[in-house]
Amino acid sequence: MSVAFVKEESAETASETVLPPRPISERTNFVTETGLKMLESQLSRAKAALDAANAVEEVNERRRQAAVPLRDVRYYSERIRTAQLVTAPASNEIVGFGHMVKFERDDGRVQTFRIVGEDEADPSRGTISHASPVAAALMGKGVGDVVKLGERELEILAIS
């Protein structure tokens, strides 16, 4: 059928509504319970947005509105599929995934972060990815330990 009869844009224009996939880390997808719930919630929202986009009658507008939700459904589905739930640490002796860690930087700043999965990490909300340089330096250490982070040092003050 000719493009003129279905009111579709050219194939070239239509292909512009297909977004590249969101990058997925090659690291193990460790998640906390909160992180897994967040992924499930994001997937639910993306599916709802995709359903709404698919209800649009005009085919080109439907493609435009579905592009982001479709990409997000694929991403969150894969992240949930590969998620490895890590339960809260039983001990606060050494820093591990899921711990809240309070430390002092060598410039005197005191910071507290919870070590979480990559999708859950948001430093402005007090969470950092287990793959971040700070978390990697702190993991496996205990209160009072001083760790090197490049030219800087961090002293662990508390683990909870």
C-alpha atoms as a PDB file:
ATOM      1  CA  MET A   1       0.000   0.000   0.000  1.00  0.00           C
ATOM      2  CA  SER A   2       1.278   3.422  -0.891  1.00  0.00           C
ATOM      3  CA  VAL A   3       2.318   5.829   1.813  1.00  0.00           C
ATOM      4  CA  ALA A   4      -0.233   8.279   0.418  1.00  0.00           C
ATOM      5  CA  PHE A   5      -3.120   5.938   1.252  1.00  0.00           C
ATOM      6  CA  VAL A   6      -2.171   5.314   4.917  1.00  0.00           C
ATOM      7  CA  LYS A   7      -0.935   8.802   5.702  1.00  0.00           C
ATOM      8  CA  GLU A   8       2.382   7.484   6.997  1.00  0.00           C
ATOM      9  CA  GLU A   9       5.546   9.478   6.825  1.00  0.00           C
ATOM     10  CA  SER A  10       8.417   8.163   4.785  1.00  0.00           C
ATOM     11  CA  ALA A  11      10.276   5.116   6.064  1.00  0.00           C
ATOM     12  CA  GLU A  12      13.243   7.355   6.830  1.00  0.00           C
ATOM     13  CA  THR A  13      11.147   9.668   9.003  1.00  0.00           C
ATOM     14  CA  ALA A  14       9.419   6.727  10.693  1.00  0.00           C
ATOM     15  CA  SER A  15      12.784   5.171  11.579  1.00  0.00           C
ATOM     16  CA  GLU A  16      13.635   8.316  13.521  1.00  0.00           C
ATOM     17  CA  THR A  17      11.070   7.264  16.128  1.00  0.00           C
ATOM     18  CA  VAL A  18      13.024   4.095  16.927  1.00  0.00           C
ATOM     19  CA  LEU A  19      15.401   4.970  19.733  1.00  0.00           C
ATOM     20  CA  PRO A  20      18.609   3.099  20.465  1.00  0.00           C
ATOM     21  CA  PRO A  21      18.429   0.895  23.560  1.00  0.00           C
ATOM     22  CA  ARG A  22      19.392   2.314  26.933  1.00  0.00           C
ATOM     23  CA  PRO A  23      22.895   1.128  27.807  1.00  0.00           C
ATOM     24  CA  ILE A  24      22.972  -1.785  30.228  1.00  0.00           C
ATOM     25  CA  SER A  25      25.962  -2.227  32.492  1.00  0.00           C
ATOM     26  CA  GLU A  26      28.015  -5.378  32.108  1.00  0.00           C
ATOM     27  CA  ARG A  27      28.440  -5.567  35.896  1.00  0.00           C
ATOM     28  CA  THR A  28      26.416  -7.998  37.972  1.00  0.00           C
ATOM     29  CA  ASN A  29      23.011  -6.421  38.575  1.00  0.00           C
ATOM     30  CA  PHE A  30      22.924  -6.463  42.382  1.00  0.00           C
ATOM     31  CA  VAL A  31      19.787  -4.859  43.829  1.00  0.00           C
ATOM     32  CA  THR A  32      18.393  -4.124  47.256  1.00  0.00           C
ATOM     33  CA  GLU A  33      14.734  -4.852  48.017  1.00  0.00           C
ATOM     34  CA  THR A  34      14.035  -1.138  47.547  1.00  0.00           C
ATOM     35  CA  GLY A  35      15.922  -1.154  44.242  1.00  0.00           C
ATOM     36  CA  LEU A  36      13.960  -4.126  42.919  1.00  0.00           C
ATOM     37  CA  LYS A  37      10.669  -2.463  43.863  1.00  0.00           C
ATOM     38  CA  MET A  38      11.847   0.716  42.118  1.00  0.00           C
ATOM     39  CA  LEU A  39      12.636  -1.247  38.931  1.00  0.00           C
ATOM     40  CA  GLU A  40       9.219  -2.926  39.041  1.00  0.00           C
ATOM     41  CA  SER A  41       7.509   0.439  39.538  1.00  0.00           C
ATOM     42  CA  GLN A  42       9.436   1.997  36.645  1.00  0.00           C
ATOM     43  CA  LEU A  43       8.486  -0.961  34.417  1.00  0.00           C
ATOM     44  CA  SER A  44       4.833  -0.557  35.374  1.00  0.00           C
ATOM     45  CA  ARG A  45       4.932   3.165  34.537  1.00  0.00           C
ATOM     46  CA  ALA A  46       6.661   2.486  31.207  1.00  0.00           C
ATOM     47  CA  LYS A  47       4.052  -0.142  30.288  1.00  0.00           C
ATOM     48  CA  ALA A  48       1.233   2.274  31.140  1.00  0.00           C
ATOM     49  CA  ALA A  49       2.835   4.987  28.995  1.00  0.00           C
ATOM     50  CA  LEU A  50       3.258   2.495  26.145  1.00  0.00           C
ATOM     51  CA  ASP A  51      -0.397   1.449  26.410  1.00  0.00           C
ATOM     52  CA  ALA A  52      -1.432   5.113  26.275  1.00  0.00           C
ATOM     53  CA  ALA A  53       0.788   5.739  23.251  1.00  0.00           C
ATOM     54  CA  ASN A  54      -0.593   2.686  21.457  1.00  0.00           C
ATOM     55  CA  ALA A  55      -4.113   4.082  21.865  1.00  0.00           C
ATOM     56  CA  VAL A  56      -3.258   7.106  19.709  1.00  0.00           C
ATOM     57  CA  GLU A  57      -4.984   6.724  16.348  1.00  0.00           C
ATOM     58  CA  GLU A  58      -2.624   8.657  14.094  1.00  0.00           C
ATOM     59  CA  VAL A  59       0.175   6.221  13.261  1.00  0.00           C
ATOM     60  CA  ASN A  60       3.054   8.711  13.153  1.00  0.00           C
ATOM     61  CA  GLU A  61       2.065  10.325  16.444  1.00  0.00           C
ATOM     62  CA  ARG A  62       1.663   6.852  17.974  1.00  0.00           C
ATOM     63  CA  ARG A  63       5.215   5.997  16.924  1.00  0.00           C
ATOM     64  CA  ARG A  64       6.569   9.220  18.406  1.00  0.00           C
ATOM     65  CA  GLN A  65       4.761   8.776  21.709  1.00  0.00           C
ATOM     66  CA  ALA A  66       5.666   5.081  21.982  1.00  0.00           C
ATOM     67  CA  ALA A  67       9.403   5.459  21.337  1.00  0.00           C
ATOM     68  CA  VAL A  68      10.549   6.290  24.877  1.00  0.00           C
ATOM     69  CA  PRO A  69       8.133   3.969  26.730  1.00  0.00           C
ATOM     70  CA  LEU A  70       9.035   1.065  24.423  1.00  0.00           C
ATOM     71  CA  ARG A  71      12.737   1.607  25.060  1.00  0.00           C
ATOM     72  CA  ASP A  72      12.082   1.848  28.821  1.00  0.00           C
ATOM     73  CA  VAL A  73       9.959  -1.338  28.881  1.00  0.00           C
ATOM     74  CA  ARG A  74      12.835  -3.215  27.259  1.00  0.00           C
ATOM     75  CA  TYR A  75      15.387  -1.743  29.654  1.00  0.00           C
ATOM     76  CA  TYR A  76      13.452  -2.324  32.888  1.00  0.00           C
ATOM     77  CA  SER A  77      12.370  -5.809  31.798  1.00  0.00           C
ATOM     78  CA  GLU A  78      16.002  -6.757  31.272  1.00  0.00           C
ATOM     79  CA  ARG A  79      17.143  -5.178  34.550  1.00  0.00           C
ATOM     80  CA  ILE A  80      14.456  -7.092  36.464  1.00  0.00           C
ATOM     81  CA  ARG A  81      15.307 -10.312  34.617  1.00  0.00           C
ATOM     82  CA  THR A  82      18.995 -10.024  35.560  1.00  0.00           C
ATOM     83  CA  ALA A  83      18.481  -8.613  39.064  1.00  0.00           C
ATOM     84  CA  GLN A  84      20.242 -10.431  41.881  1.00  0.00           C
ATOM     85  CA  LEU A  85      18.555  -9.518  45.146  1.00  0.00           C
ATOM     86  CA  VAL A  86      21.038  -9.002  47.965  1.00  0.00           C
ATOM     87  CA  THR A  87      19.557  -9.146  51.448  1.00  0.00           C
ATOM     88  CA  ALA A  88      20.565  -6.671  54.119  1.00  0.00           C
ATOM     89  CA  PRO A  89      23.943  -7.484  55.678  1.00  0.00           C
ATOM     90  CA  ALA A  90      23.738  -9.446  58.936  1.00  0.00           C
ATOM     91  CA  SER A  91      26.794  -7.749  60.410  1.00  0.00           C
ATOM     92  CA  ASN A  92      28.018  -4.173  60.549  1.00  0.00           C
ATOM     93  CA  GLU A  93      31.649  -5.163  61.057  1.00  0.00           C
ATOM     94  CA  ILE A  94      32.783  -4.586  57.472  1.00  0.00           C
ATOM     95  CA  VAL A  95      31.313  -2.506  54.644  1.00  0.00           C
ATOM     96  CA  GLY A  96      29.196  -4.479  52.211  1.00  0.00           C
ATOM     97  CA  PHE A  97      26.408  -4.041  49.694  1.00  0.00           C
ATOM     98  CA  GLY A  98      23.387  -2.425  51.321  1.00  0.00           C
ATOM     99  CA  HIS A  99      25.297  -0.816  54.190  1.00  0.00           C
ATOM    100  CA  MET A 100      25.027   2.815  55.194  1.00  0.00           C
ATOM    101  CA  VAL A 101      28.591   4.106  55.591  1.00  0.00           C
ATOM    102  CA  LYS A 102      29.644   7.318  57.287  1.00  0.00           C
ATOM    103  CA  PHE A 103      33.157   8.494  56.437  1.00  0.00           C
ATOM    104  CA  GLU A 104      35.361  11.547  56.725  1.00  0.00           C
ATOM    105  CA  ARG A 105      37.339  12.851  53.795  1.00  0.00           C
ATOM    106  CA  ASP A 106      40.854  14.182  54.307  1.00  0.00           C
ATOM    107  CA  ASP A 107      39.499  17.711  53.719  1.00  0.00           C
ATOM    108  CA  GLY A 108      37.265  17.339  56.804  1.00  0.00           C
ATOM    109  CA  ARG A 109      33.948  16.736  55.033  1.00  0.00           C
ATOM    110  CA  VAL A 110      31.826  14.014  56.604  1.00  0.00           C
ATOM    111  CA  GLN A 111      29.516  12.124  54.275  1.00  0.00           C
ATOM    112  CA  THR A 112      27.081   9.242  54.623  1.00  0.00           C
ATOM    113  CA  PHE A 113      25.979   7.022  51.756  1.00  0.00           C
ATOM    114  CA  ARG A 114      24.160   3.730  51.372  1.00  0.00           C
ATOM    115  CA  ILE A 115      25.764   1.321  48.899  1.00  0.00           C
ATOM    116  CA  VAL A 116      23.130   0.099  46.430  1.00  0.00           C
ATOM    117  CA  GLY A 117      22.647  -1.170  42.871  1.00  0.00           C
ATOM    118  CA  GLU A 118      23.427   0.910  39.820  1.00  0.00           C
ATOM    119  CA  ASP A 119      19.817   1.767  38.976  1.00  0.00           C
ATOM    120  CA  GLU A 120      19.027   2.775  42.555  1.00  0.00           C
ATOM    121  CA  ALA A 121      22.056   5.029  43.020  1.00  0.00           C
ATOM    122  CA  ASP A 122      21.389   8.733  43.492  1.00  0.00           C
ATOM    123  CA  PRO A 123      24.127  10.560  45.433  1.00  0.00           C
ATOM    124  CA  SER A 124      21.847  13.563  45.983  1.00  0.00           C
ATOM    125  CA  ARG A 125      19.585  11.214  47.969  1.00  0.00           C
ATOM    126  CA  GLY A 126      22.399   9.518  49.867  1.00  0.00           C
ATOM    127  CA  THR A 127      22.871   6.384  47.746  1.00  0.00           C
ATOM    128  CA  ILE A 128      25.863   5.370  45.636  1.00  0.00           C
ATOM    129  CA  SER A 129      26.395   2.462  43.288  1.00  0.00           C
ATOM    130  CA  HIS A 130      28.431  -0.494  44.464  1.00  0.00           C
ATOM    131  CA  ALA A 131      30.420   0.056  41.256  1.00  0.00           C
ATOM    132  CA  SER A 132      31.381   3.641  42.129  1.00  0.00           C
ATOM    133  CA  PRO A 133      35.002   4.371  43.062  1.00  0.00           C
ATOM    134  CA  VAL A 134      34.002   5.448  46.597  1.00  0.00           C
ATOM    135  CA  ALA A 135      31.992   2.272  47.253  1.00  0.00           C
ATOM    136  CA  ALA A 136      34.696   0.072  45.739  1.00  0.00           C
ATOM    137  CA  ALA A 137      37.281   1.660  48.058  1.00  0.00           C
ATOM    138  CA  LEU A 138      35.076   1.202  51.146  1.00  0.00           C
ATOM    139  CA  MET A 139      33.891  -2.379  50.531  1.00  0.00           C
ATOM    140  CA  GLY A 140      35.474  -4.928  52.812  1.00  0.00           C
ATOM    141  CA  LYS A 141      36.840  -2.325  55.244  1.00  0.00           C
ATOM    142  CA  GLY A 142      35.843  -1.622  58.849  1.00  0.00           C
ATOM    143  CA  VAL A 143      35.324   1.320  61.193  1.00  0.00           C
ATOM    144  CA  GLY A 144      38.580   3.212  61.697  1.00  0.00           C
ATOM    145  CA  ASP A 145      40.096   2.013  58.428  1.00  0.00           C
ATOM    146  CA  VAL A 146      41.562   4.660  56.152  1.00  0.00           C
ATOM    147  CA  VAL A 147      41.265   3.976  52.448  1.00  0.00           C
ATOM    148  CA  LYS A 148      42.952   5.650  49.494  1.00  0.00           C
ATOM    149  CA  LEU A 149      40.817   7.091  46.742  1.00  0.00           C
ATOM    150  CA  GLY A 150      43.271   8.396  44.183  1.00  0.00           C
ATOM    151  CA  GLU A 151      45.245  11.080  45.986  1.00  0.00           C
ATOM    152  CA  ARG A 152      42.580  11.400  48.688  1.00  0.00           C
ATOM    153  CA  GLU A 153      41.942   9.438  51.873  1.00  0.00           C
ATOM    154  CA  LEU A 154      38.667   8.441  53.520  1.00  0.00           C
ATOM    155  CA  GLU A 155      38.305   7.284  57.113  1.00  0.00           C
ATOM    156  CA  ILE A 156      35.329   5.072  57.925  1.00  0.00           C
ATOM    157  CA  LEU A 157      33.482   6.443  60.956  1.00  0.00           C
ATOM    158  CA  ALA A 158      30.416   4.191  61.131  1.00  0.00           C
ATOM    159  CA  ILE A 159      28.706   1.283  59.366  1.00  0.00           C
ATOM    160  CA  SER A 160      25.015   0.531  59.725  1.00  0.00           C
END
